[in-house]
């Protein structure tokens, strides 16, 4: 059995164990040896970061060729119209690459969402909206670049789901450990060919 940690990364925290340039690292929250992040979230992004003690599983979760979907809740400046959402769904030309087709839609502000610390800075004259965006690549600053390209600058970015796992009831700065049975082989295309069913274990968010 392999172990994974589902961590709700707060804003400002790095996706590495060492602190740097005034930003705290993962060691401020997780004190377990042998775990490594499967992919990363920028310091100014929040949400689900998965760590594992299995190098093969880490590669399968992080590498875009395995087609693991990543779902983000994105607060943007402005009101998304049908044309902007259509571009996000079809693929956005970012100059250095064209994104794969994505799932994109308007959503209401999530009721259960925690307040960000520090708060988001708004411009009073410009409305804000929320979209749910699901992609497969996860390249550097991709979501922010995608929304900016269609005229919707990102104000707040939260990764809610990666593959079969989501934040559920994990509070910011807290984590939960699960055990999984990785398959013997994983297809290199999309779909749900990820690790076997999770078994919930322990975490810092338990009572």
N, C-alpha and C. Protein backbone atom coordinates (compact mmCIF):
# COMPACT_ATOMS: atom_id res chain seq x y z
N UNK A 1 0.84 -1.20 0.00
CA UNK A 1 0.00 0.00 0.00
C UNK A 1 0.87 1.25 0.00
N UNK A 2 0.48 2.21 -0.80
CA UNK A 2 1.15 3.51 -0.80
C UNK A 2 0.34 4.48 0.05
N UNK A 3 1.01 5.49 0.54
CA UNK A 3 0.33 6.49 1.35
C UNK A 3 0.35 7.84 0.64
N UNK A 4 -0.75 8.56 0.76
CA UNK A 4 -0.81 9.92 0.25
C UNK A 4 -1.31 10.83 1.37
N UNK A 5 -0.91 12.07 1.27
CA UNK A 5 -1.39 13.11 2.17
C UNK A 5 -2.16 14.12 1.32
N UNK A 6 -3.39 14.39 1.70
CA UNK A 6 -4.20 15.43 1.07
C UNK A 6 -4.10 16.66 1.95
N UNK A 7 -3.44 17.69 1.44
CA UNK A 7 -3.15 18.89 2.22
C UNK A 7 -3.85 20.09 1.59
N UNK A 8 -4.53 20.85 2.43
CA UNK A 8 -5.16 22.09 1.97
C UNK A 8 -4.14 23.22 2.16
N UNK A 9 -3.43 23.53 1.09
CA UNK A 9 -2.34 24.50 1.18
C UNK A 9 -2.90 25.92 1.30
N UNK A 10 -2.52 26.63 2.35
CA UNK A 10 -2.97 28.03 2.46
C UNK A 10 -2.23 28.93 1.47
N UNK A 11 -2.78 30.11 1.27
CA UNK A 11 -2.13 31.13 0.47
C UNK A 11 -0.78 31.48 1.09
N UNK A 12 0.25 31.66 0.26
CA UNK A 12 1.56 32.08 0.74
C UNK A 12 2.50 30.96 1.11
N UNK A 13 2.00 29.73 1.16
CA UNK A 13 2.84 28.58 1.53
C UNK A 13 3.43 27.96 0.26
N UNK A 14 4.71 27.59 0.32
CA UNK A 14 5.38 26.99 -0.82
C UNK A 14 5.08 25.50 -0.91
N UNK A 15 5.20 24.96 -2.13
CA UNK A 15 4.98 23.52 -2.35
C UNK A 15 6.28 22.75 -2.17
N UNK A 16 7.05 23.12 -1.17
CA UNK A 16 8.31 22.46 -0.84
C UNK A 16 8.46 22.53 0.67
N UNK A 17 9.32 21.68 1.22
CA UNK A 17 9.40 21.59 2.68
C UNK A 17 10.22 22.72 3.30
N UNK A 18 11.11 23.33 2.54
CA UNK A 18 11.93 24.40 3.08
C UNK A 18 11.29 25.76 2.85
N UNK A 19 11.43 26.64 3.82
CA UNK A 19 10.95 28.01 3.68
C UNK A 19 11.91 28.79 2.80
N UNK A 20 11.39 29.83 2.15
CA UNK A 20 12.22 30.59 1.22
C UNK A 20 11.60 31.97 0.99
N UNK A 21 12.45 32.99 1.01
CA UNK A 21 12.02 34.36 0.71
C UNK A 21 10.82 34.80 1.55
N UNK A 22 10.82 34.41 2.79
CA UNK A 22 9.74 34.82 3.68
C UNK A 22 8.48 33.99 3.60
N UNK A 23 8.45 33.00 2.71
CA UNK A 23 7.28 32.13 2.58
C UNK A 23 7.53 30.83 3.35
N UNK A 24 6.58 30.40 4.18
CA UNK A 24 6.76 29.14 4.90
C UNK A 24 6.70 27.95 3.95
N UNK A 25 7.41 26.88 4.31
CA UNK A 25 7.37 25.64 3.56
C UNK A 25 6.42 24.64 4.19
N UNK A 26 6.33 23.47 3.58
CA UNK A 26 5.42 22.44 4.05
C UNK A 26 5.78 21.92 5.44
N UNK A 27 7.07 22.05 5.81
CA UNK A 27 7.50 21.54 7.11
C UNK A 27 6.81 22.27 8.26
N UNK A 28 6.25 23.44 7.99
CA UNK A 28 5.51 24.16 9.03
C UNK A 28 4.19 23.47 9.36
N UNK A 29 3.75 22.58 8.46
CA UNK A 29 2.45 21.93 8.62
C UNK A 29 2.53 20.41 8.68
N UNK A 30 3.52 19.83 8.01
CA UNK A 30 3.62 18.38 7.89
C UNK A 30 5.00 17.95 8.36
N UNK A 31 5.04 17.15 9.40
CA UNK A 31 6.31 16.70 9.97
C UNK A 31 6.42 15.18 9.84
N UNK A 32 6.46 14.73 8.59
CA UNK A 32 6.58 13.30 8.31
C UNK A 32 7.68 13.11 7.26
N UNK A 33 8.65 12.25 7.52
CA UNK A 33 9.74 12.04 6.54
C UNK A 33 9.27 11.17 5.38
N UNK A 34 9.93 11.33 4.25
CA UNK A 34 9.72 10.43 3.12
C UNK A 34 8.57 10.79 2.21
N UNK A 35 7.92 11.93 2.42
CA UNK A 35 6.82 12.35 1.56
C UNK A 35 7.27 13.47 0.63
N UNK A 36 6.76 13.42 -0.61
CA UNK A 36 7.13 14.42 -1.61
C UNK A 36 5.88 14.87 -2.35
N UNK A 37 5.85 16.15 -2.71
CA UNK A 37 4.68 16.69 -3.38
C UNK A 37 4.57 16.14 -4.80
N UNK A 38 3.36 15.77 -5.17
CA UNK A 38 3.06 15.32 -6.54
C UNK A 38 2.56 16.52 -7.32
N UNK A 39 3.49 17.25 -7.93
CA UNK A 39 3.14 18.50 -8.56
C UNK A 39 3.30 19.64 -7.58
N UNK A 40 2.78 20.78 -7.95
CA UNK A 40 2.97 21.96 -7.12
C UNK A 40 1.80 22.92 -7.27
N UNK A 41 1.69 23.81 -6.31
CA UNK A 41 0.81 24.96 -6.38
C UNK A 41 1.65 26.19 -6.12
N UNK A 42 1.42 27.25 -6.87
CA UNK A 42 2.16 28.48 -6.63
C UNK A 42 1.85 29.01 -5.24
N UNK A 43 2.76 29.84 -4.72
CA UNK A 43 2.57 30.39 -3.38
C UNK A 43 1.27 31.17 -3.27
N UNK A 44 0.87 31.85 -4.36
CA UNK A 44 -0.35 32.66 -4.31
C UNK A 44 -1.59 31.89 -4.72
N UNK A 45 -1.49 30.56 -4.78
CA UNK A 45 -2.66 29.70 -5.01
C UNK A 45 -2.94 28.89 -3.76
N UNK A 46 -4.17 28.42 -3.64
CA UNK A 46 -4.59 27.67 -2.45
C UNK A 46 -5.13 26.31 -2.87
N UNK A 47 -5.36 25.47 -1.87
CA UNK A 47 -6.12 24.26 -2.12
C UNK A 47 -5.33 22.98 -2.08
N UNK A 48 -5.83 22.00 -2.83
CA UNK A 48 -5.38 20.62 -2.69
C UNK A 48 -3.97 20.42 -3.24
N UNK A 49 -3.08 19.98 -2.37
CA UNK A 49 -1.75 19.54 -2.74
C UNK A 49 -1.60 18.12 -2.23
N UNK A 50 -1.24 17.20 -3.12
CA UNK A 50 -1.09 15.80 -2.75
C UNK A 50 0.39 15.48 -2.58
N UNK A 51 0.71 14.82 -1.48
CA UNK A 51 2.05 14.32 -1.24
C UNK A 51 1.98 12.81 -1.11
N UNK A 52 3.05 12.13 -1.47
CA UNK A 52 3.06 10.67 -1.38
C UNK A 52 4.46 10.18 -1.04
N UNK A 53 4.53 8.96 -0.48
CA UNK A 53 5.81 8.33 -0.19
C UNK A 53 6.17 7.31 -1.28
N UNK A 54 5.43 7.31 -2.40
CA UNK A 54 5.64 6.38 -3.50
C UNK A 54 6.08 7.18 -4.73
N UNK A 55 7.34 6.99 -5.15
CA UNK A 55 7.88 7.75 -6.27
C UNK A 55 7.13 7.51 -7.56
N UNK A 56 6.73 6.25 -7.83
CA UNK A 56 5.98 5.96 -9.04
C UNK A 56 4.62 6.62 -9.04
N UNK A 57 3.97 6.60 -7.91
CA UNK A 57 2.66 7.25 -7.80
C UNK A 57 2.80 8.76 -7.93
N UNK A 58 3.84 9.31 -7.35
CA UNK A 58 4.11 10.73 -7.50
C UNK A 58 4.20 11.12 -8.97
N UNK A 59 4.91 10.33 -9.75
CA UNK A 59 5.07 10.61 -11.18
C UNK A 59 3.73 10.52 -11.90
N UNK A 60 2.94 9.49 -11.58
CA UNK A 60 1.66 9.32 -12.28
C UNK A 60 0.67 10.43 -11.95
N UNK A 61 0.74 10.94 -10.73
CA UNK A 61 -0.16 12.02 -10.35
C UNK A 61 0.25 13.36 -10.96
N UNK A 62 1.56 13.57 -11.11
CA UNK A 62 2.05 14.89 -11.52
C UNK A 62 2.22 15.04 -13.02
N UNK A 63 2.56 13.96 -13.73
CA UNK A 63 2.91 14.11 -15.14
C UNK A 63 1.66 14.28 -16.00
N UNK A 64 1.62 15.31 -16.85
CA UNK A 64 0.41 15.58 -17.64
C UNK A 64 0.05 14.46 -18.62
N UNK A 65 0.98 13.61 -19.02
CA UNK A 65 0.65 12.58 -20.01
C UNK A 65 -0.30 11.53 -19.45
N UNK A 66 -0.46 11.47 -18.13
CA UNK A 66 -1.39 10.52 -17.55
C UNK A 66 -2.81 11.06 -17.44
N UNK A 67 -2.99 12.32 -17.84
CA UNK A 67 -4.34 12.86 -18.00
C UNK A 67 -5.13 13.02 -16.72
N UNK A 68 -4.47 13.30 -15.61
CA UNK A 68 -5.19 13.51 -14.36
C UNK A 68 -5.89 14.87 -14.39
N UNK A 69 -7.19 14.88 -14.27
CA UNK A 69 -7.91 16.14 -14.29
C UNK A 69 -7.71 16.90 -12.98
N UNK A 70 -7.59 18.21 -13.11
CA UNK A 70 -7.43 19.10 -11.97
C UNK A 70 -8.54 20.15 -12.06
N UNK A 71 -9.32 20.24 -11.00
CA UNK A 71 -10.44 21.17 -10.98
C UNK A 71 -10.13 22.34 -10.05
N UNK A 72 -10.34 23.55 -10.57
CA UNK A 72 -10.04 24.77 -9.82
C UNK A 72 -11.31 25.60 -9.66
N UNK A 73 -11.43 26.23 -8.51
CA UNK A 73 -12.42 27.28 -8.29
C UNK A 73 -11.69 28.60 -8.45
N UNK A 74 -12.16 29.42 -9.37
CA UNK A 74 -11.41 30.62 -9.75
C UNK A 74 -12.29 31.85 -9.60
N UNK A 75 -11.86 32.77 -8.76
CA UNK A 75 -12.53 34.06 -8.67
C UNK A 75 -11.84 35.00 -9.65
N UNK A 76 -12.64 35.59 -10.53
CA UNK A 76 -12.07 36.43 -11.59
C UNK A 76 -12.66 37.83 -11.52
N UNK A 77 -11.94 38.73 -12.12
CA UNK A 77 -12.40 40.10 -12.24
C UNK A 77 -13.22 40.22 -13.52
N UNK A 78 -14.46 40.66 -13.39
CA UNK A 78 -15.34 40.77 -14.54
C UNK A 78 -16.40 39.68 -14.55
N UNK A 79 -17.21 39.69 -15.58
CA UNK A 79 -18.30 38.73 -15.74
C UNK A 79 -18.02 37.84 -16.95
N UNK A 80 -17.85 36.54 -16.75
CA UNK A 80 -17.58 35.66 -17.89
C UNK A 80 -18.80 35.53 -18.79
N UNK A 81 -18.61 35.76 -20.09
CA UNK A 81 -19.72 35.57 -21.03
C UNK A 81 -19.53 34.26 -21.77
N UNK A 82 -20.49 33.93 -22.61
CA UNK A 82 -20.45 32.64 -23.30
C UNK A 82 -19.23 32.53 -24.22
N UNK A 83 -18.84 33.65 -24.83
CA UNK A 83 -17.70 33.62 -25.75
C UNK A 83 -16.41 33.29 -25.00
N UNK A 84 -16.21 33.90 -23.83
CA UNK A 84 -15.00 33.64 -23.05
C UNK A 84 -14.96 32.19 -22.58
N UNK A 85 -16.10 31.68 -22.13
CA UNK A 85 -16.15 30.29 -21.67
C UNK A 85 -15.91 29.33 -22.83
N UNK A 86 -16.40 29.68 -24.02
CA UNK A 86 -16.19 28.83 -25.19
C UNK A 86 -14.71 28.71 -25.53
N UNK A 87 -13.98 29.82 -25.42
CA UNK A 87 -12.54 29.79 -25.69
C UNK A 87 -11.83 28.90 -24.68
N UNK A 88 -12.19 29.02 -23.40
CA UNK A 88 -11.58 28.17 -22.38
C UNK A 88 -11.84 26.70 -22.65
N UNK A 89 -13.06 26.40 -23.11
CA UNK A 89 -13.41 24.99 -23.38
C UNK A 89 -12.71 24.44 -24.60
N UNK A 90 -12.50 25.28 -25.60
CA UNK A 90 -11.92 24.81 -26.86
C UNK A 90 -10.40 24.70 -26.80
N UNK A 91 -9.77 25.50 -25.96
CA UNK A 91 -8.32 25.56 -25.91
C UNK A 91 -7.85 26.98 -26.15
N UNK A 92 -6.93 27.45 -25.33
CA UNK A 92 -6.48 28.84 -25.37
C UNK A 92 -5.06 28.89 -25.91
N UNK A 93 -4.83 29.75 -26.90
CA UNK A 93 -3.49 29.94 -27.44
C UNK A 93 -2.75 30.92 -26.54
N UNK A 94 -1.78 30.40 -25.78
CA UNK A 94 -1.03 31.22 -24.84
C UNK A 94 0.31 31.68 -25.40
N UNK A 95 0.51 31.44 -26.71
CA UNK A 95 1.73 31.87 -27.34
C UNK A 95 2.77 30.78 -27.38
N UNK A 96 3.19 30.30 -26.20
CA UNK A 96 4.17 29.22 -26.16
C UNK A 96 3.54 27.84 -26.28
N UNK A 97 2.24 27.75 -26.05
CA UNK A 97 1.51 26.50 -26.26
C UNK A 97 0.02 26.79 -26.28
N UNK A 98 -0.74 25.84 -26.83
CA UNK A 98 -2.19 25.92 -26.84
C UNK A 98 -2.71 24.90 -25.83
N UNK A 99 -3.57 25.35 -24.93
CA UNK A 99 -4.07 24.46 -23.91
C UNK A 99 -5.01 23.41 -24.50
N UNK A 100 -5.09 22.29 -23.85
CA UNK A 100 -6.06 21.27 -24.25
C UNK A 100 -7.47 21.77 -23.95
N UNK A 101 -8.48 21.21 -24.60
CA UNK A 101 -9.86 21.58 -24.25
C UNK A 101 -10.11 21.38 -22.76
N UNK A 102 -10.82 22.31 -22.17
CA UNK A 102 -11.08 22.29 -20.73
C UNK A 102 -12.58 22.28 -20.47
N UNK A 103 -12.94 22.01 -19.25
CA UNK A 103 -14.32 22.15 -18.80
C UNK A 103 -14.40 23.46 -18.05
N UNK A 104 -15.32 24.31 -18.42
CA UNK A 104 -15.42 25.63 -17.81
C UNK A 104 -16.88 26.03 -17.69
N UNK A 105 -17.23 26.61 -16.57
CA UNK A 105 -18.60 27.07 -16.37
C UNK A 105 -18.69 28.07 -15.24
N UNK A 106 -19.70 28.92 -15.32
CA UNK A 106 -19.96 29.87 -14.24
C UNK A 106 -20.53 29.14 -13.03
N UNK A 107 -20.13 29.56 -11.84
CA UNK A 107 -20.70 29.01 -10.61
C UNK A 107 -20.97 30.16 -9.65
N UNK A 108 -21.87 29.91 -8.69
CA UNK A 108 -22.09 30.89 -7.63
C UNK A 108 -20.89 30.85 -6.68
N UNK A 109 -20.72 31.91 -5.92
CA UNK A 109 -19.64 31.92 -4.94
C UNK A 109 -19.83 30.76 -3.97
N UNK A 110 -18.83 29.90 -3.81
CA UNK A 110 -18.99 28.73 -2.93
C UNK A 110 -19.31 29.15 -1.50
N UNK A 111 -20.41 28.63 -0.96
CA UNK A 111 -20.87 29.04 0.37
C UNK A 111 -19.92 28.60 1.47
N UNK A 112 -19.32 27.43 1.32
CA UNK A 112 -18.50 26.87 2.39
C UNK A 112 -17.04 27.28 2.31
N UNK A 113 -16.72 28.20 1.40
CA UNK A 113 -15.33 28.57 1.20
C UNK A 113 -14.82 29.43 2.35
N UNK A 114 -13.62 29.15 2.79
CA UNK A 114 -13.00 29.89 3.87
C UNK A 114 -12.52 31.26 3.37
N UNK A 115 -12.46 32.25 4.25
CA UNK A 115 -11.92 33.56 3.85
C UNK A 115 -10.41 33.46 3.63
N UNK A 116 -9.92 34.18 2.65
CA UNK A 116 -8.48 34.12 2.38
C UNK A 116 -7.73 35.07 3.30
N UNK A 117 -6.55 34.66 3.71
CA UNK A 117 -5.68 35.47 4.53
C UNK A 117 -4.33 35.58 3.82
N UNK A 118 -4.01 36.78 3.26
CA UNK A 118 -4.72 38.06 3.36
C UNK A 118 -5.91 38.11 2.42
N UNK A 119 -6.85 39.05 2.67
CA UNK A 119 -8.03 39.15 1.81
C UNK A 119 -7.67 39.52 0.38
N UNK A 120 -8.54 39.14 -0.54
CA UNK A 120 -8.37 39.51 -1.94
C UNK A 120 -8.60 41.00 -2.09
N UNK A 121 -7.79 41.65 -2.91
CA UNK A 121 -7.96 43.07 -3.17
C UNK A 121 -8.89 43.25 -4.38
N UNK A 122 -9.98 43.96 -4.16
CA UNK A 122 -10.96 44.19 -5.21
C UNK A 122 -10.90 45.63 -5.70
N UNK A 123 -11.36 45.81 -6.95
CA UNK A 123 -11.60 47.17 -7.44
C UNK A 123 -13.11 47.39 -7.38
N UNK A 124 -13.52 48.38 -6.62
CA UNK A 124 -14.94 48.56 -6.32
C UNK A 124 -15.79 48.74 -7.56
N UNK A 125 -15.23 49.32 -8.62
CA UNK A 125 -16.03 49.61 -9.82
C UNK A 125 -16.17 48.39 -10.73
N UNK A 126 -15.46 47.31 -10.45
CA UNK A 126 -15.48 46.14 -11.34
C UNK A 126 -16.03 44.94 -10.58
N UNK A 127 -17.08 44.29 -11.09
CA UNK A 127 -17.64 43.12 -10.41
C UNK A 127 -16.68 41.92 -10.49
N UNK A 128 -16.89 40.99 -9.58
CA UNK A 128 -16.13 39.74 -9.62
C UNK A 128 -17.09 38.56 -9.77
N UNK A 129 -16.56 37.46 -10.28
CA UNK A 129 -17.37 36.27 -10.54
C UNK A 129 -16.53 35.04 -10.21
N UNK A 130 -17.20 33.89 -10.20
CA UNK A 130 -16.52 32.62 -9.97
C UNK A 130 -16.76 31.69 -11.16
N UNK A 131 -15.72 30.98 -11.55
CA UNK A 131 -15.86 29.92 -12.54
C UNK A 131 -15.21 28.66 -12.01
N UNK A 132 -15.69 27.54 -12.48
CA UNK A 132 -15.06 26.24 -12.20
C UNK A 132 -14.37 25.79 -13.47
N UNK A 133 -13.08 25.50 -13.36
CA UNK A 133 -12.27 25.18 -14.52
C UNK A 133 -11.53 23.87 -14.28
N UNK A 134 -11.69 22.93 -15.21
CA UNK A 134 -11.02 21.63 -15.10
C UNK A 134 -10.08 21.45 -16.28
N UNK A 135 -8.80 21.24 -15.98
CA UNK A 135 -7.77 21.08 -17.01
C UNK A 135 -7.00 19.79 -16.74
N UNK A 136 -6.14 19.42 -17.69
CA UNK A 136 -5.31 18.23 -17.53
C UNK A 136 -3.82 18.55 -17.44
N UNK A 137 -3.38 19.66 -18.05
CA UNK A 137 -1.94 19.89 -18.11
C UNK A 137 -1.34 20.38 -16.79
N UNK A 138 -1.82 21.51 -16.31
CA UNK A 138 -1.26 22.07 -15.09
C UNK A 138 0.12 22.67 -15.26
N UNK A 139 0.37 23.37 -16.39
CA UNK A 139 1.67 24.01 -16.58
C UNK A 139 1.76 25.29 -15.76
N UNK A 140 2.97 25.85 -15.70
CA UNK A 140 3.24 26.99 -14.84
C UNK A 140 2.30 28.16 -15.11
N UNK A 141 1.57 28.57 -14.09
CA UNK A 141 0.65 29.71 -14.13
C UNK A 141 -0.44 29.54 -15.20
N UNK A 142 -0.75 28.32 -15.54
CA UNK A 142 -1.63 28.08 -16.68
C UNK A 142 -3.02 28.66 -16.49
N UNK A 143 -3.64 28.39 -15.35
CA UNK A 143 -5.01 28.87 -15.15
C UNK A 143 -5.05 30.39 -15.17
N UNK A 144 -4.13 31.03 -14.51
CA UNK A 144 -4.09 32.48 -14.50
C UNK A 144 -3.90 33.05 -15.91
N UNK A 145 -3.04 32.40 -16.68
CA UNK A 145 -2.81 32.87 -18.05
C UNK A 145 -4.04 32.63 -18.92
N UNK A 146 -4.74 31.53 -18.70
CA UNK A 146 -5.94 31.24 -19.48
C UNK A 146 -7.03 32.28 -19.23
N UNK A 147 -7.30 32.57 -17.96
CA UNK A 147 -8.37 33.52 -17.67
C UNK A 147 -7.99 34.93 -18.12
N UNK A 148 -6.72 35.29 -17.96
CA UNK A 148 -6.28 36.62 -18.41
C UNK A 148 -6.43 36.75 -19.92
N UNK A 149 -6.17 35.68 -20.65
CA UNK A 149 -6.25 35.71 -22.11
C UNK A 149 -7.66 36.00 -22.59
N UNK A 150 -8.66 35.56 -21.84
CA UNK A 150 -10.05 35.81 -22.24
C UNK A 150 -10.63 37.02 -21.51
N UNK A 151 -9.77 37.85 -20.92
CA UNK A 151 -10.22 39.10 -20.31
C UNK A 151 -10.77 38.98 -18.92
N UNK A 152 -10.39 37.92 -18.20
CA UNK A 152 -10.89 37.68 -16.84
C UNK A 152 -9.72 37.43 -15.90
N UNK A 153 -9.04 38.48 -15.45
CA UNK A 153 -7.89 38.28 -14.57
C UNK A 153 -8.27 37.51 -13.30
N UNK A 154 -7.42 36.57 -12.91
CA UNK A 154 -7.67 35.76 -11.73
C UNK A 154 -7.35 36.55 -10.47
N UNK A 155 -8.30 36.56 -9.53
CA UNK A 155 -8.11 37.19 -8.23
C UNK A 155 -7.79 36.17 -7.15
N UNK A 156 -8.42 35.03 -7.24
CA UNK A 156 -8.22 33.97 -6.24
C UNK A 156 -8.30 32.63 -6.95
N UNK A 157 -7.38 31.73 -6.62
CA UNK A 157 -7.29 30.44 -7.31
C UNK A 157 -7.17 29.32 -6.29
N UNK A 158 -8.12 28.39 -6.34
CA UNK A 158 -8.17 27.29 -5.38
C UNK A 158 -8.28 25.97 -6.15
N UNK A 159 -7.31 25.09 -5.96
CA UNK A 159 -7.46 23.76 -6.56
C UNK A 159 -8.31 22.92 -5.62
N UNK A 160 -9.43 22.43 -6.16
CA UNK A 160 -10.39 21.70 -5.34
C UNK A 160 -10.25 20.19 -5.52
N UNK A 161 -9.87 19.77 -6.71
CA UNK A 161 -9.83 18.33 -6.98
C UNK A 161 -8.64 18.00 -7.86
N UNK A 162 -8.05 16.82 -7.61
CA UNK A 162 -7.01 16.27 -8.47
C UNK A 162 -7.29 14.79 -8.63
N UNK A 163 -7.62 14.37 -9.85
CA UNK A 163 -7.96 12.96 -10.07
C UNK A 163 -9.16 12.55 -9.24
N UNK A 164 -8.98 11.52 -8.42
CA UNK A 164 -10.06 10.99 -7.61
C UNK A 164 -10.21 11.67 -6.25
N UNK A 165 -9.36 12.63 -5.95
CA UNK A 165 -9.34 13.21 -4.61
C UNK A 165 -9.75 14.67 -4.63
N UNK A 166 -10.45 15.08 -3.56
CA UNK A 166 -10.85 16.48 -3.44
C UNK A 166 -10.65 16.93 -2.00
N UNK A 167 -10.79 18.23 -1.78
CA UNK A 167 -10.58 18.79 -0.45
C UNK A 167 -11.63 18.33 0.55
N UNK A 168 -12.86 18.19 0.08
CA UNK A 168 -13.96 17.81 0.97
C UNK A 168 -13.97 18.74 2.20
N UNK A 169 -13.78 18.16 3.40
CA UNK A 169 -13.90 18.95 4.62
C UNK A 169 -12.55 19.28 5.25
N UNK A 170 -11.48 19.29 4.46
CA UNK A 170 -10.16 19.58 5.00
C UNK A 170 -9.98 21.10 5.09
N UNK A 171 -9.74 21.59 6.28
CA UNK A 171 -9.60 23.03 6.50
C UNK A 171 -8.23 23.51 6.02
N UNK A 172 -8.08 24.80 5.74
CA UNK A 172 -6.78 25.33 5.33
C UNK A 172 -5.70 25.03 6.36
N UNK A 173 -4.54 24.57 5.89
CA UNK A 173 -3.44 24.24 6.78
C UNK A 173 -3.54 22.87 7.42
N UNK A 174 -4.62 22.13 7.12
CA UNK A 174 -4.81 20.80 7.67
C UNK A 174 -4.61 19.75 6.59
N UNK A 175 -4.49 18.48 7.00
CA UNK A 175 -4.24 17.40 6.04
C UNK A 175 -4.87 16.11 6.52
N UNK A 176 -5.01 15.21 5.60
CA UNK A 176 -5.53 13.87 5.89
C UNK A 176 -4.68 12.85 5.15
N UNK A 177 -4.38 11.74 5.79
CA UNK A 177 -3.62 10.69 5.14
C UNK A 177 -4.56 9.57 4.69
N UNK A 178 -4.27 9.02 3.51
CA UNK A 178 -5.02 7.88 2.99
C UNK A 178 -4.04 6.85 2.44
N UNK A 179 -4.48 5.61 2.41
CA UNK A 179 -3.72 4.54 1.80
C UNK A 179 -4.38 4.14 0.49
N UNK A 180 -3.57 3.91 -0.53
CA UNK A 180 -4.10 3.57 -1.84
C UNK A 180 -3.33 2.37 -2.39
N UNK A 181 -3.99 1.66 -3.29
CA UNK A 181 -3.38 0.53 -3.98
C UNK A 181 -3.16 0.93 -5.44
N UNK A 182 -1.96 1.35 -5.80
CA UNK A 182 -1.72 1.74 -7.19
C UNK A 182 -1.89 0.55 -8.12
N UNK A 183 -2.43 0.75 -9.32
CA UNK A 183 -2.55 -0.34 -10.29
C UNK A 183 -1.18 -0.75 -10.79
N UNK A 184 -1.09 -1.95 -11.34
CA UNK A 184 0.19 -2.42 -11.88
C UNK A 184 0.63 -1.60 -13.08
N UNK A 185 -0.33 -1.15 -13.87
CA UNK A 185 -0.01 -0.30 -15.01
C UNK A 185 -1.06 0.77 -15.10
N UNK A 186 -0.65 1.94 -15.57
CA UNK A 186 -1.55 3.08 -15.68
C UNK A 186 -1.56 3.55 -17.11
N UNK A 187 -2.72 3.66 -17.76
CA UNK A 187 -2.74 4.14 -19.14
C UNK A 187 -2.23 5.56 -19.22
N UNK A 188 -1.62 5.89 -20.35
CA UNK A 188 -1.03 7.21 -20.52
C UNK A 188 -2.01 8.21 -21.08
N UNK A 189 -3.27 7.89 -21.14
CA UNK A 189 -4.30 8.80 -21.62
C UNK A 189 -5.22 9.15 -20.48
N UNK A 190 -6.23 9.97 -20.77
CA UNK A 190 -7.14 10.44 -19.73
C UNK A 190 -8.02 9.34 -19.20
N UNK A 191 -8.98 9.75 -18.39
CA UNK A 191 -9.87 8.78 -17.79
C UNK A 191 -9.56 8.64 -16.32
N UNK A 192 -10.18 7.66 -15.69
CA UNK A 192 -10.06 7.49 -14.25
C UNK A 192 -9.13 6.32 -13.93
N UNK A 193 -8.10 6.12 -14.75
CA UNK A 193 -7.19 5.03 -14.51
C UNK A 193 -6.17 5.36 -13.47
N UNK A 194 -6.61 5.95 -12.36
CA UNK A 194 -5.70 6.34 -11.30
C UNK A 194 -5.58 5.28 -10.25
N UNK A 195 -5.04 5.63 -9.09
CA UNK A 195 -4.87 4.67 -8.03
C UNK A 195 -6.18 4.08 -7.58
N UNK A 196 -6.09 2.94 -6.93
CA UNK A 196 -7.28 2.27 -6.45
C UNK A 196 -7.96 3.06 -5.36
N UNK A 197 -9.06 2.53 -4.86
CA UNK A 197 -9.87 3.26 -3.91
C UNK A 197 -9.11 3.65 -2.67
N UNK A 198 -9.31 4.87 -2.20
CA UNK A 198 -8.58 5.35 -1.04
C UNK A 198 -9.13 4.76 0.25
N UNK A 199 -8.24 4.60 1.21
CA UNK A 199 -8.64 4.21 2.56
C UNK A 199 -8.23 5.31 3.50
N UNK A 200 -9.18 5.91 4.15
CA UNK A 200 -8.89 7.05 5.00
C UNK A 200 -8.12 6.58 6.23
N UNK A 201 -7.10 7.32 6.58
CA UNK A 201 -6.31 6.99 7.74
C UNK A 201 -6.33 8.18 8.68
N UNK A 202 -5.18 8.78 8.95
CA UNK A 202 -5.14 9.83 9.94
C UNK A 202 -4.72 11.15 9.31
N UNK A 203 -4.91 12.22 10.02
CA UNK A 203 -4.50 13.50 9.50
C UNK A 203 -4.59 14.55 10.58
N UNK A 204 -4.07 15.72 10.28
CA UNK A 204 -4.04 16.78 11.29
C UNK A 204 -5.40 17.43 11.47
N UNK A 205 -6.39 17.11 10.63
CA UNK A 205 -7.70 17.73 10.77
C UNK A 205 -8.68 16.84 11.53
N UNK A 206 -8.22 15.73 12.05
CA UNK A 206 -9.11 14.90 12.86
C UNK A 206 -9.30 15.51 14.23
N UNK A 207 -10.46 15.27 14.87
CA UNK A 207 -10.69 15.85 16.21
C UNK A 207 -9.67 15.35 17.21
